[in-house]
Amino acid sequence: MTGMTRPLKPAPSPFTAPERDLLRREFCRHFGQTRRSRTASSCAPGVVEKSGASQRFRPRLQTMLERDLVEVRNTNQWPRAFFTEAGLAALRQLVMDKRAMDPERFAHLRTELGLDGVGEG
């Protein structure tokens, strides 16, 4: 059949399934958060690297650290994993995948990453 094109396959996710789960949980809007409240769901303050209760997050952060997607910095409260330039590019790619990150639920993240209006249509 001439003239028919196959739909492009989306690029493989830069994050593993457990990492995507961590990022969804970290950046989703939580119950009671307003649309304008961005403190708990912004990528700017980094991902908290607590000890104790968050032990299950450590392996996920470790794999991102090994691939230079995040870097750990000490802050006043807890060490935090901040996205590197490569990590921000990977996060943008993840957020662009509507199946991985619901555009409505993660609209605040799309805005923060400068993706408003990108990939819509």
PDB file of N, CA and C in Angstrom:
ATOM      1  N   MET A   1       0.847  -1.180   0.000  1.00  0.00           N
ATOM      2  CA  MET A   1       0.000   0.000   0.000  1.00  0.00           C
ATOM      3  C   MET A   1       0.887   1.235   0.000  1.00  0.00           C
ATOM      4  N   THR A   2       0.773   1.993  -0.995  1.00  0.00           N
ATOM      5  CA  THR A   2       1.587   3.177  -1.129  1.00  0.00           C
ATOM      6  C   THR A   2       0.910   4.351  -0.439  1.00  0.00           C
ATOM      7  N   GLY A   3       1.734   5.229   0.148  1.00  0.00           N
ATOM      8  CA  GLY A   3       1.199   6.432   0.772  1.00  0.00           C
ATOM      9  C   GLY A   3       0.832   6.284   2.235  1.00  0.00           C
ATOM     10  N   MET A   4       0.788   5.071   2.721  1.00  0.00           N
ATOM     11  CA  MET A   4       0.453   4.893   4.138  1.00  0.00           C
ATOM     12  C   MET A   4       1.749   4.855   4.945  1.00  0.00           C
ATOM     13  N   THR A   5       1.755   5.539   6.035  1.00  0.00           N
ATOM     14  CA  THR A   5       2.932   5.527   6.900  1.00  0.00           C
ATOM     15  C   THR A   5       2.578   4.894   8.224  1.00  0.00           C
ATOM     16  N   ARG A   6       3.543   4.267   8.787  1.00  0.00           N
ATOM     17  CA  ARG A   6       3.353   3.670  10.110  1.00  0.00           C
ATOM     18  C   ARG A   6       3.529   4.743  11.167  1.00  0.00           C
ATOM     19  N   PRO A   7       2.755   4.673  12.233  1.00  0.00           N
ATOM     20  CA  PRO A   7       2.966   5.635  13.306  1.00  0.00           C
ATOM     21  C   PRO A   7       4.342   5.426  13.927  1.00  0.00           C
ATOM     22  N   LEU A   8       4.974   6.510  14.297  1.00  0.00           N
ATOM     23  CA  LEU A   8       6.295   6.422  14.921  1.00  0.00           C
ATOM     24  C   LEU A   8       6.181   5.823  16.307  1.00  0.00           C
ATOM     25  N   LYS A   9       7.108   4.934  16.598  1.00  0.00           N
ATOM     26  CA  LYS A   9       7.162   4.372  17.945  1.00  0.00           C
ATOM     27  C   LYS A   9       7.725   5.425  18.879  1.00  0.00           C
ATOM     28  N   PRO A  10       7.129   5.566  20.073  1.00  0.00           N
ATOM     29  CA  PRO A  10       7.716   6.525  21.009  1.00  0.00           C
ATOM     30  C   PRO A  10       9.113   6.069  21.422  1.00  0.00           C
ATOM     31  N   ALA A  11       9.962   7.039  21.706  1.00  0.00           N
ATOM     32  CA  ALA A  11      11.320   6.718  22.145  1.00  0.00           C
ATOM     33  C   ALA A  11      11.246   5.942  23.455  1.00  0.00           C
ATOM     34  N   PRO A  12      12.165   5.012  23.669  1.00  0.00           N
ATOM     35  CA  PRO A  12      12.147   4.278  24.928  1.00  0.00           C
ATOM     36  C   PRO A  12      12.337   5.236  26.102  1.00  0.00           C
ATOM     37  N   SER A  13      11.691   4.917  27.192  1.00  0.00           N
ATOM     38  CA  SER A  13      11.761   5.777  28.369  1.00  0.00           C
ATOM     39  C   SER A  13      13.178   5.819  28.922  1.00  0.00           C
ATOM     40  N   PRO A  14      13.633   7.007  29.299  1.00  0.00           N
ATOM     41  CA  PRO A  14      14.962   7.121  29.892  1.00  0.00           C
ATOM     42  C   PRO A  14      15.009   6.613  31.332  1.00  0.00           C
ATOM     43  N   PHE A  15      13.846   6.298  31.890  1.00  0.00           N
ATOM     44  CA  PHE A  15      13.762   5.827  33.265  1.00  0.00           C
ATOM     45  C   PHE A  15      13.222   4.408  33.293  1.00  0.00           C
ATOM     46  N   THR A  16      13.664   3.630  34.273  1.00  0.00           N
ATOM     47  CA  THR A  16      13.145   2.276  34.463  1.00  0.00           C
ATOM     48  C   THR A  16      11.749   2.358  35.072  1.00  0.00           C
ATOM     49  N   ALA A  17      11.019   1.257  35.057  1.00  0.00           N
ATOM     50  CA  ALA A  17       9.670   1.239  35.637  1.00  0.00           C
ATOM     51  C   ALA A  17       9.672   1.663  37.105  1.00  0.00           C
ATOM     52  N   PRO A  18      10.578   1.151  37.956  1.00  0.00           N
ATOM     53  CA  PRO A  18      10.585   1.607  39.355  1.00  0.00           C
ATOM     54  C   PRO A  18      10.914   3.102  39.488  1.00  0.00           C
ATOM     55  N   GLU A  19      11.783   3.607  38.608  1.00  0.00           N
ATOM     56  CA  GLU A  19      12.109   5.038  38.652  1.00  0.00           C
ATOM     57  C   GLU A  19      10.902   5.877  38.249  1.00  0.00           C
ATOM     58  N   ARG A  20      10.178   5.427  37.215  1.00  0.00           N
ATOM     59  CA  ARG A  20       8.970   6.154  36.795  1.00  0.00           C
ATOM     60  C   ARG A  20       7.950   6.183  37.921  1.00  0.00           C
ATOM     61  N   ASP A  21       7.809   5.067  38.624  1.00  0.00           N
ATOM     62  CA  ASP A  21       6.884   5.000  39.758  1.00  0.00           C
ATOM     63  C   ASP A  21       7.295   6.002  40.840  1.00  0.00           C
ATOM     64  N   LEU A  22       8.571   6.051  41.154  1.00  0.00           N
ATOM     65  CA  LEU A  22       9.077   7.003  42.137  1.00  0.00           C
ATOM     66  C   LEU A  22       8.777   8.439  41.702  1.00  0.00           C
ATOM     67  N   LEU A  23       9.037   8.753  40.451  1.00  0.00           N
ATOM     68  CA  LEU A  23       8.818  10.116  39.954  1.00  0.00           C
ATOM     69  C   LEU A  23       7.337  10.476  39.952  1.00  0.00           C
ATOM     70  N   ARG A  24       6.474   9.534  39.575  1.00  0.00           N
ATOM     71  CA  ARG A  24       5.026   9.804  39.628  1.00  0.00           C
ATOM     72  C   ARG A  24       4.596  10.113  41.052  1.00  0.00           C
ATOM     73  N   ARG A  25       5.057   9.309  41.992  1.00  0.00           N
ATOM     74  CA  ARG A  25       4.685   9.523  43.398  1.00  0.00           C
ATOM     75  C   ARG A  25       5.251  10.834  43.931  1.00  0.00           C
ATOM     76  N   GLU A  26       6.456  11.152  43.555  1.00  0.00           N
ATOM     77  CA  GLU A  26       7.117  12.356  44.045  1.00  0.00           C
ATOM     78  C   GLU A  26       6.485  13.620  43.491  1.00  0.00           C
ATOM     79  N   PHE A  27       6.094  13.591  42.222  1.00  0.00           N
ATOM     80  CA  PHE A  27       5.631  14.808  41.567  1.00  0.00           C
ATOM     81  C   PHE A  27       4.131  14.926  41.393  1.00  0.00           C
ATOM     82  N   CYS A  28       3.359  13.904  41.768  1.00  0.00           N
ATOM     83  CA  CYS A  28       1.911  14.031  41.603  1.00  0.00           C
ATOM     84  C   CYS A  28       1.356  15.003  42.643  1.00  0.00           C
ATOM     85  N   ARG A  29       0.233  15.582  42.283  1.00  0.00           N
ATOM     86  CA  ARG A  29      -0.461  16.478  43.197  1.00  0.00           C
ATOM     87  C   ARG A  29      -1.116  15.616  44.264  1.00  0.00           C
ATOM     88  N   HIS A  30      -0.894  15.975  45.502  1.00  0.00           N
ATOM     89  CA  HIS A  30      -1.427  15.186  46.604  1.00  0.00           C
ATOM     90  C   HIS A  30      -2.759  15.756  47.075  1.00  0.00           C
ATOM     91  N   PHE A  31      -3.523  14.945  47.778  1.00  0.00           N
ATOM     92  CA  PHE A  31      -4.831  15.365  48.271  1.00  0.00           C
ATOM     93  C   PHE A  31      -4.708  16.674  49.043  1.00  0.00           C
ATOM     94  N   GLY A  32      -5.533  17.623  48.694  1.00  0.00           N
ATOM     95  CA  GLY A  32      -5.533  18.900  49.400  1.00  0.00           C
ATOM     96  C   GLY A  32      -4.600  19.941  48.810  1.00  0.00           C
ATOM     97  N   GLN A  33      -3.763  19.547  47.860  1.00  0.00           N
ATOM     98  CA  GLN A  33      -2.874  20.509  47.223  1.00  0.00           C
ATOM     99  C   GLN A  33      -3.664  21.298  46.201  1.00  0.00           C
ATOM    100  N   THR A  34      -3.485  22.589  46.198  1.00  0.00           N
ATOM    101  CA  THR A  34      -4.171  23.411  45.212  1.00  0.00           C
ATOM    102  C   THR A  34      -3.385  23.396  43.915  1.00  0.00           C
ATOM    103  N   ARG A  35      -4.013  23.871  42.876  1.00  0.00           N
ATOM    104  CA  ARG A  35      -3.370  23.912  41.555  1.00  0.00           C
ATOM    105  C   ARG A  35      -2.128  24.793  41.581  1.00  0.00           C
ATOM    106  N   ARG A  36      -2.141  25.839  42.396  1.00  0.00           N
ATOM    107  CA  ARG A  36      -1.016  26.765  42.443  1.00  0.00           C
ATOM    108  C   ARG A  36       0.061  26.333  43.442  1.00  0.00           C
ATOM    109  N   SER A  37      -0.265  25.417  44.319  1.00  0.00           N
ATOM    110  CA  SER A  37       0.712  24.949  45.302  1.00  0.00           C
ATOM    111  C   SER A  37       1.707  24.036  44.601  1.00  0.00           C
ATOM    112  N   ARG A  38       2.993  24.412  44.613  1.00  0.00           N
ATOM    113  CA  ARG A  38       3.980  23.646  43.860  1.00  0.00           C
ATOM    114  C   ARG A  38       5.118  23.139  44.741  1.00  0.00           C
ATOM    115  N   THR A  39       5.084  23.404  46.022  1.00  0.00           N
ATOM    116  CA  THR A  39       6.229  23.059  46.851  1.00  0.00           C
ATOM    117  C   THR A  39       6.489  21.565  46.901  1.00  0.00           C
ATOM    118  N   ALA A  40       5.477  20.748  47.058  1.00  0.00           N
ATOM    119  CA  ALA A  40       5.693  19.310  47.198  1.00  0.00           C
ATOM    120  C   ALA A  40       5.846  18.609  45.862  1.00  0.00           C
ATOM    121  N   SER A  41       5.427  19.257  44.767  1.00  0.00           N
ATOM    122  CA  SER A  41       5.434  18.549  43.497  1.00  0.00           C
ATOM    123  C   SER A  41       6.338  19.193  42.451  1.00  0.00           C
ATOM    124  N   SER A  42       7.150  20.138  42.846  1.00  0.00           N
ATOM    125  CA  SER A  42       8.062  20.796  41.929  1.00  0.00           C
ATOM    126  C   SER A  42       9.352  19.995  41.827  1.00  0.00           C
ATOM    127  N   CYS A  43       9.987  20.008  40.652  1.00  0.00           N
ATOM    128  CA  CYS A  43      11.262  19.294  40.538  1.00  0.00           C
ATOM    129  C   CYS A  43      12.425  20.161  41.010  1.00  0.00           C
ATOM    130  N   ALA A  44      12.203  21.461  41.221  1.00  0.00           N
ATOM    131  CA  ALA A  44      13.272  22.360  41.648  1.00  0.00           C
ATOM    132  C   ALA A  44      13.891  21.994  43.002  1.00  0.00           C
ATOM    133  N   PRO A  45      13.083  21.649  44.022  1.00  0.00           N
ATOM    134  CA  PRO A  45      13.715  21.338  45.311  1.00  0.00           C
ATOM    135  C   PRO A  45      14.383  19.971  45.370  1.00  0.00           C
ATOM    136  N   GLY A  46      14.299  19.202  44.327  1.00  0.00           N
ATOM    137  CA  GLY A  46      14.949  17.899  44.310  1.00  0.00           C
ATOM    138  C   GLY A  46      14.101  16.815  44.948  1.00  0.00           C
ATOM    139  N   VAL A  47      14.564  15.593  44.838  1.00  0.00           N
ATOM    140  CA  VAL A  47      13.891  14.426  45.406  1.00  0.00           C
ATOM    141  C   VAL A  47      14.551  14.138  46.750  1.00  0.00           C
ATOM    142  N   VAL A  48      13.745  14.028  47.800  1.00  0.00           N
ATOM    143  CA  VAL A  48      14.282  13.829  49.143  1.00  0.00           C
ATOM    144  C   VAL A  48      14.909  12.452  49.272  1.00  0.00           C
ATOM    145  N   GLU A  49      16.088  12.405  49.859  1.00  0.00           N
ATOM    146  CA  GLU A  49      16.827  11.164  50.088  1.00  0.00           C
ATOM    147  C   GLU A  49      16.871  10.932  51.598  1.00  0.00           C
ATOM    148  N   LYS A  50      15.723  10.619  52.178  1.00  0.00           N
ATOM    149  CA  LYS A  50      15.659  10.389  53.624  1.00  0.00           C
ATOM    150  C   LYS A  50      16.184   8.998  53.951  1.00  0.00           C
ATOM    151  N   SER A  51      16.619   8.858  55.166  1.00  0.00           N
ATOM    152  CA  SER A  51      16.977   7.514  55.622  1.00  0.00           C
ATOM    153  C   SER A  51      15.773   6.945  56.361  1.00  0.00           C
ATOM    154  N   GLY A  52      15.791   5.681  56.651  1.00  0.00           N
ATOM    155  CA  GLY A  52      14.706   5.078  57.413  1.00  0.00           C
ATOM    156  C   GLY A  52      13.508   4.765  56.552  1.00  0.00           C
ATOM    157  N   ALA A  53      12.470   5.602  56.635  1.00  0.00           N
ATOM    158  CA  ALA A  53      11.199   5.326  55.965  1.00  0.00           C
ATOM    159  C   ALA A  53      11.340   5.230  54.447  1.00  0.00           C
ATOM    160  N   SER A  54      12.293   5.915  53.868  1.00  0.00           N
ATOM    161  CA  SER A  54      12.424   5.930  52.409  1.00  0.00           C
ATOM    162  C   SER A  54      13.457   4.950  51.888  1.00  0.00           C
ATOM    163  N   GLN A  55      13.793   3.945  52.624  1.00  0.00           N
ATOM    164  CA  GLN A  55      14.808   2.991  52.173  1.00  0.00           C
ATOM    165  C   GLN A  55      14.472   2.399  50.808  1.00  0.00           C
ATOM    166  N   ARG A  56      13.191   2.239  50.496  1.00  0.00           N
ATOM    167  CA  ARG A  56      12.830   1.641  49.206  1.00  0.00           C
ATOM    168  C   ARG A  56      13.116   2.580  48.048  1.00  0.00           C
ATOM    169  N   PHE A  57      13.292   3.879  48.292  1.00  0.00           N
ATOM    170  CA  PHE A  57      13.605   4.826  47.228  1.00  0.00           C
ATOM    171  C   PHE A  57      15.087   4.800  46.869  1.00  0.00           C
ATOM    172  N   ARG A  58      15.929   4.406  47.796  1.00  0.00           N
ATOM    173  CA  ARG A  58      17.383   4.466  47.573  1.00  0.00           C
ATOM    174  C   ARG A  58      17.843   3.743  46.317  1.00  0.00           C
ATOM    175  N   PRO A  59      17.424   2.498  46.070  1.00  0.00           N
ATOM    176  CA  PRO A  59      17.902   1.833  44.847  1.00  0.00           C
ATOM    177  C   PRO A  59      17.478   2.573  43.583  1.00  0.00           C
ATOM    178  N   ARG A  60      16.295   3.161  43.588  1.00  0.00           N
ATOM    179  CA  ARG A  60      15.807   3.889  42.414  1.00  0.00           C
ATOM    180  C   ARG A  60      16.633   5.143  42.188  1.00  0.00           C
ATOM    181  N   LEU A  61      16.925   5.843  43.259  1.00  0.00           N
ATOM    182  CA  LEU A  61      17.769   7.034  43.139  1.00  0.00           C
ATOM    183  C   LEU A  61      19.193   6.645  42.756  1.00  0.00           C
ATOM    184  N   GLN A  62      19.658   5.527  43.277  1.00  0.00           N
ATOM    185  CA  GLN A  62      21.019   5.072  42.995  1.00  0.00           C
ATOM    186  C   GLN A  62      21.210   4.795  41.511  1.00  0.00           C
ATOM    187  N   THR A  63      20.221   4.158  40.885  1.00  0.00           N
ATOM    188  CA  THR A  63      20.363   3.857  39.459  1.00  0.00           C
ATOM    189  C   THR A  63      20.360   5.144  38.635  1.00  0.00           C
ATOM    190  N   MET A  64      19.577   6.135  39.051  1.00  0.00           N
ATOM    191  CA  MET A  64      19.580   7.423  38.344  1.00  0.00           C
ATOM    192  C   MET A  64      20.908   8.150  38.582  1.00  0.00           C
ATOM    193  N   LEU A  65      21.452   8.000  39.784  1.00  0.00           N
ATOM    194  CA  LEU A  65      22.740   8.612  40.123  1.00  0.00           C
ATOM    195  C   LEU A  65      23.856   7.999  39.271  1.00  0.00           C
ATOM    196  N   GLU A  66      23.840   6.695  39.124  1.00  0.00           N
ATOM    197  CA  GLU A  66      24.858   5.993  38.331  1.00  0.00           C
ATOM    198  C   GLU A  66      24.823   6.392  36.860  1.00  0.00           C
ATOM    199  N   ARG A  67      23.647   6.768  36.366  1.00  0.00           N
ATOM    200  CA  ARG A  67      23.507   7.186  34.966  1.00  0.00           C
ATOM    201  C   ARG A  67      23.601   8.708  34.811  1.00  0.00           C
ATOM    202  N   ASP A  68      24.023   9.389  35.863  1.00  0.00           N
ATOM    203  CA  ASP A  68      24.208  10.854  35.859  1.00  0.00           C
ATOM    204  C   ASP A  68      22.937  11.621  35.532  1.00  0.00           C
ATOM    205  N   LEU A  69      21.783  11.094  35.951  1.00  0.00           N
ATOM    206  CA  LEU A  69      20.527  11.810  35.775  1.00  0.00           C
ATOM    207  C   LEU A  69      20.244  12.700  36.978  1.00  0.00           C
ATOM    208  N   VAL A  70      20.809  12.352  38.125  1.00  0.00           N
ATOM    209  CA  VAL A  70      20.669  13.156  39.344  1.00  0.00           C
ATOM    210  C   VAL A  70      22.018  13.260  40.030  1.00  0.00           C
ATOM    211  N   GLU A  71      22.129  14.259  40.896  1.00  0.00           N
ATOM    212  CA  GLU A  71      23.293  14.385  41.770  1.00  0.00           C
ATOM    213  C   GLU A  71      22.768  14.673  43.170  1.00  0.00           C
ATOM    214  N   VAL A  72      23.417  14.120  44.159  1.00  0.00           N
ATOM    215  CA  VAL A  72      22.970  14.286  45.545  1.00  0.00           C
ATOM    216  C   VAL A  72      23.725  15.445  46.168  1.00  0.00           C
ATOM    217  N   ARG A  73      22.964  16.342  46.787  1.00  0.00           N
ATOM    218  CA  ARG A  73      23.541  17.475  47.509  1.00  0.00           C
ATOM    219  C   ARG A  73      22.959  17.498  48.917  1.00  0.00           C
ATOM    220  N   ASN A  74      23.773  17.887  49.886  1.00  0.00           N
ATOM    221  CA  ASN A  74      23.273  18.050  51.245  1.00  0.00           C
ATOM    222  C   ASN A  74      22.543  19.382  51.344  1.00  0.00           C
ATOM    223  N   THR A  75      21.404  19.364  51.995  1.00  0.00           N
ATOM    224  CA  THR A  75      20.628  20.578  52.237  1.00  0.00           C
ATOM    225  C   THR A  75      20.475  20.745  53.738  1.00  0.00           C
ATOM    226  N   ASN A  76      19.753  21.762  54.155  1.00  0.00           N
ATOM    227  CA  ASN A  76      19.552  22.007  55.586  1.00  0.00           C
ATOM    228  C   ASN A  76      18.811  20.878  56.284  1.00  0.00           C
ATOM    229  N   GLN A  77      17.893  20.214  55.580  1.00  0.00           N
ATOM    230  CA  GLN A  77      17.091  19.170  56.216  1.00  0.00           C
ATOM    231  C   GLN A  77      17.591  17.770  55.899  1.00  0.00           C
ATOM    232  N   TRP A  78      17.571  17.400  54.653  1.00  0.00           N
ATOM    233  CA  TRP A  78      17.932  16.062  54.207  1.00  0.00           C
ATOM    234  C   TRP A  78      18.794  16.174  52.960  1.00  0.00           C
ATOM    235  N   PRO A  79      19.575  15.158  52.681  1.00  0.00           N
ATOM    236  CA  PRO A  79      20.213  15.128  51.362  1.00  0.00           C
ATOM    237  C   PRO A  79      19.112  15.024  50.298  1.00  0.00           C
ATOM    238  N   ARG A  80      19.321  15.678  49.174  1.00  0.00           N
ATOM    239  CA  ARG A  80      18.340  15.648  48.096  1.00  0.00           C
ATOM    240  C   ARG A  80      19.029  15.319  46.784  1.00  0.00           C
ATOM    241  N   ALA A  81      18.289  14.621  45.937  1.00  0.00           N
ATOM    242  CA  ALA A  81      18.779  14.299  44.598  1.00  0.00           C
ATOM    243  C   ALA A  81      18.217  15.346  43.647  1.00  0.00           C
ATOM    244  N   PHE A  82      19.105  16.114  43.024  1.00  0.00           N
ATOM    245  CA  PHE A  82      18.713  17.138  42.067  1.00  0.00           C
ATOM    246  C   PHE A  82      18.993  16.632  40.661  1.00  0.00           C
ATOM    247  N   PHE A  83      18.112  16.969  39.729  1.00  0.00           N
ATOM    248  CA  PHE A  83      18.298  16.552  38.342  1.00  0.00           C
ATOM    249  C   PHE A  83      19.456  17.308  37.711  1.00  0.00           C
ATOM    250  N   THR A  84      20.287  16.581  36.987  1.00  0.00           N
ATOM    251  CA  THR A  84      21.350  17.186  36.184  1.00  0.00           C
ATOM    252  C   THR A  84      20.701  17.654  34.882  1.00  0.00           C
ATOM    253  N   GLU A  85      21.492  18.276  34.001  1.00  0.00           N
ATOM    254  CA  GLU A  85      20.952  18.684  32.693  1.00  0.00           C
ATOM    255  C   GLU A  85      20.434  17.463  31.932  1.00  0.00           C
ATOM    256  N   ALA A  86      21.198  16.371  31.973  1.00  0.00           N
ATOM    257  CA  ALA A  86      20.756  15.135  31.307  1.00  0.00           C
ATOM    258  C   ALA A  86      19.479  14.606  31.957  1.00  0.00           C
ATOM    259  N   GLY A  87      19.394  14.721  33.278  1.00  0.00           N
ATOM    260  CA  GLY A  87      18.204  14.272  34.002  1.00  0.00           C
ATOM    261  C   GLY A  87      16.982  15.105  33.665  1.00  0.00           C
ATOM    262  N   LEU A  88      17.165  16.428  33.541  1.00  0.00           N
ATOM    263  CA  LEU A  88      16.045  17.295  33.155  1.00  0.00           C
ATOM    264  C   LEU A  88      15.578  16.981  31.738  1.00  0.00           C
ATOM    265  N   ALA A  89      16.514  16.703  30.839  1.00  0.00           N
ATOM    266  CA  ALA A  89      16.144  16.319  29.469  1.00  0.00           C
ATOM    267  C   ALA A  89      15.360  15.010  29.486  1.00  0.00           C
ATOM    268  N   ALA A  90      15.806  14.058  30.298  1.00  0.00           N
ATOM    269  CA  ALA A  90      15.107  12.778  30.417  1.00  0.00           C
ATOM    270  C   ALA A  90      13.723  12.973  31.043  1.00  0.00           C
ATOM    271  N   LEU A  91      13.634  13.850  32.035  1.00  0.00           N
ATOM    272  CA  LEU A  91      12.347  14.125  32.672  1.00  0.00           C
ATOM    273  C   LEU A  91      11.395  14.786  31.681  1.00  0.00           C
ATOM    274  N   ARG A  92      11.897  15.699  30.863  1.00  0.00           N
ATOM    275  CA  ARG A  92      11.063  16.317  29.821  1.00  0.00           C
ATOM    276  C   ARG A  92      10.529  15.243  28.867  1.00  0.00           C
ATOM    277  N   GLN A  93      11.399  14.327  28.476  1.00  0.00           N
ATOM    278  CA  GLN A  93      10.981  13.241  27.579  1.00  0.00           C
ATOM    279  C   GLN A  93       9.900  12.394  28.238  1.00  0.00           C
ATOM    280  N   LEU A  94      10.064  12.098  29.511  1.00  0.00           N
ATOM    281  CA  LEU A  94       9.077  11.300  30.235  1.00  0.00           C
ATOM    282  C   LEU A  94       7.744  12.030  30.321  1.00  0.00           C
ATOM    283  N   VAL A  95       7.776  13.304  30.647  1.00  0.00           N
ATOM    284  CA  VAL A  95       6.549  14.082  30.805  1.00  0.00           C
ATOM    285  C   VAL A  95       5.827  14.244  29.472  1.00  0.00           C
ATOM    286  N   MET A  96       6.568  14.226  28.376  1.00  0.00           N
ATOM    287  CA  MET A  96       5.953  14.333  27.049  1.00  0.00           C
ATOM    288  C   MET A  96       5.163  13.073  26.680  1.00  0.00           C
ATOM    289  N   ASP A  97       5.469  11.943  27.315  1.00  0.00           N
ATOM    290  CA  ASP A  97       4.761  10.689  27.053  1.00  0.00           C
ATOM    291  C   ASP A  97       3.467  10.697  27.855  1.00  0.00           C
ATOM    292  N   LYS A  98       2.362  10.919  27.162  1.00  0.00           N
ATOM    293  CA  LYS A  98       1.062  11.048  27.834  1.00  0.00           C
ATOM    294  C   LYS A  98       0.639   9.774  28.551  1.00  0.00           C
ATOM    295  N   ARG A  99       1.143   8.629  28.087  1.00  0.00           N
ATOM    296  CA  ARG A  99       0.799   7.370  28.758  1.00  0.00           C
ATOM    297  C   ARG A  99       1.554   7.219  30.072  1.00  0.00           C
ATOM    298  N   ALA A 100       2.753   7.776  30.132  1.00  0.00           N
ATOM    299  CA  ALA A 100       3.572   7.645  31.337  1.00  0.00           C
ATOM    300  C   ALA A 100       3.198   8.681  32.395  1.00  0.00           C
ATOM    301  N   MET A 101       2.926   9.909  31.960  1.00  0.00           N
ATOM    302  CA  MET A 101       2.619  11.003  32.879  1.00  0.00           C
ATOM    303  C   MET A 101       1.411  11.754  32.328  1.00  0.00           C
ATOM    304  N   ASP A 102       0.254  11.539  32.936  1.00  0.00           N
ATOM    305  CA  ASP A 102      -0.991  12.164  32.505  1.00  0.00           C
ATOM    306  C   ASP A 102      -0.824  13.682  32.409  1.00  0.00           C
ATOM    307  N   PRO A 103      -1.069  14.278  31.234  1.00  0.00           N
ATOM    308  CA  PRO A 103      -0.843  15.713  31.050  1.00  0.00           C
ATOM    309  C   PRO A 103      -1.651  16.590  32.006  1.00  0.00           C
ATOM    310  N   GLU A 104      -2.834  16.157  32.374  1.00  0.00           N
ATOM    311  CA  GLU A 104      -3.649  16.955  33.285  1.00  0.00           C
ATOM    312  C   GLU A 104      -3.140  16.852  34.722  1.00  0.00           C
ATOM    313  N   ARG A 105      -2.859  15.650  35.137  1.00  0.00           N
ATOM    314  CA  ARG A 105      -2.398  15.429  36.507  1.00  0.00           C
ATOM    315  C   ARG A 105      -1.014  16.030  36.766  1.00  0.00           C
ATOM    316  N   PHE A 106      -0.183  16.057  35.730  1.00  0.00           N
ATOM    317  CA  PHE A 106       1.168  16.579  35.863  1.00  0.00           C
ATOM    318  C   PHE A 106       1.348  17.894  35.102  1.00  0.00           C
ATOM    319  N   ALA A 107       0.269  18.656  34.951  1.00  0.00           N
ATOM    320  CA  ALA A 107       0.315  19.933  34.231  1.00  0.00           C
ATOM    321  C   ALA A 107       1.305  20.895  34.889  1.00  0.00           C
ATOM    322  N   HIS A 108       1.370  20.867  36.204  1.00  0.00           N
ATOM    323  CA  HIS A 108       2.296  21.748  36.923  1.00  0.00           C
ATOM    324  C   HIS A 108       3.745  21.439  36.553  1.00  0.00           C
ATOM    325  N   LEU A 109       4.051  20.173  36.342  1.00  0.00           N
ATOM    326  CA  LEU A 109       5.403  19.767  35.962  1.00  0.00           C
ATOM    327  C   LEU A 109       5.694  20.162  34.513  1.00  0.00           C
ATOM    328  N   ARG A 110       4.685  20.017  33.647  1.00  0.00           N
ATOM    329  CA  ARG A 110       4.841  20.446  32.253  1.00  0.00           C
ATOM    330  C   ARG A 110       5.151  21.941  32.195  1.00  0.00           C
ATOM    331  N   THR A 111       4.456  22.725  33.027  1.00  0.00           N
ATOM    332  CA  THR A 111       4.690  24.174  33.072  1.00  0.00           C
ATOM    333  C   THR A 111       6.096  24.470  33.557  1.00  0.00           C
ATOM    334  N   GLU A 112       6.499  23.809  34.630  1.00  0.00           N
ATOM    335  CA  GLU A 112       7.829  24.043  35.198  1.00  0.00           C
ATOM    336  C   GLU A 112       8.937  23.694  34.213  1.00  0.00           C
ATOM    337  N   LEU A 113       8.724  22.662  33.408  1.00  0.00           N
ATOM    338  CA  LEU A 113       9.736  22.220  32.458  1.00  0.00           C
ATOM    339  C   LEU A 113       9.632  22.945  31.113  1.00  0.00           C
ATOM    340  N   GLY A 114       8.694  23.904  31.014  1.00  0.00           N
ATOM    341  CA  GLY A 114       8.552  24.691  29.785  1.00  0.00           C
ATOM    342  C   GLY A 114       7.913  23.917  28.637  1.00  0.00           C
ATOM    343  N   LEU A 115       7.019  22.983  28.967  1.00  0.00           N
ATOM    344  CA  LEU A 115       6.406  22.134  27.935  1.00  0.00           C
ATOM    345  C   LEU A 115       4.950  22.477  27.661  1.00  0.00           C
ATOM    346  N   ASP A 116       4.452  23.581  28.175  1.00  0.00           N
ATOM    347  CA  ASP A 116       3.049  23.949  27.901  1.00  0.00           C
ATOM    348  C   ASP A 116       2.836  24.109  26.415  1.00  0.00           C
ATOM    349  N   GLY A 117       1.841  23.418  25.898  1.00  0.00           N
ATOM    350  CA  GLY A 117       1.517  23.508  24.485  1.00  0.00           C
ATOM    351  C   GLY A 117       2.367  22.639  23.585  1.00  0.00           C
ATOM    352  N   VAL A 118       3.416  22.020  24.100  1.00  0.00           N
ATOM    353  CA  VAL A 118       4.286  21.171  23.294  1.00  0.00           C
ATOM    354  C   VAL A 118       3.692  19.775  23.240  1.00  0.00           C
ATOM    355  N   GLY A 119       3.605  19.223  22.053  1.00  0.00           N
ATOM    356  CA  GLY A 119       3.112  17.856  21.895  1.00  0.00           C
ATOM    357  C   GLY A 119       1.609  17.727  21.987  1.00  0.00           C
ATOM    358  N   GLU A 120       0.890  18.837  22.000  1.00  0.00           N
ATOM    359  CA  GLU A 120      -0.565  18.783  22.057  1.00  0.00           C
ATOM    360  C   GLU A 120      -1.093  19.012  20.660  1.00  0.00           C
ATOM    361  N   GLY A 121      -2.210  18.423  20.404  1.00  0.00           N
ATOM    362  CA  GLY A 121      -2.770  18.686  19.081  1.00  0.00           C
ATOM    363  C   GLY A 121      -3.701  17.650  18.615  1.00  0.00           C
TER     364      GLY A 121
END
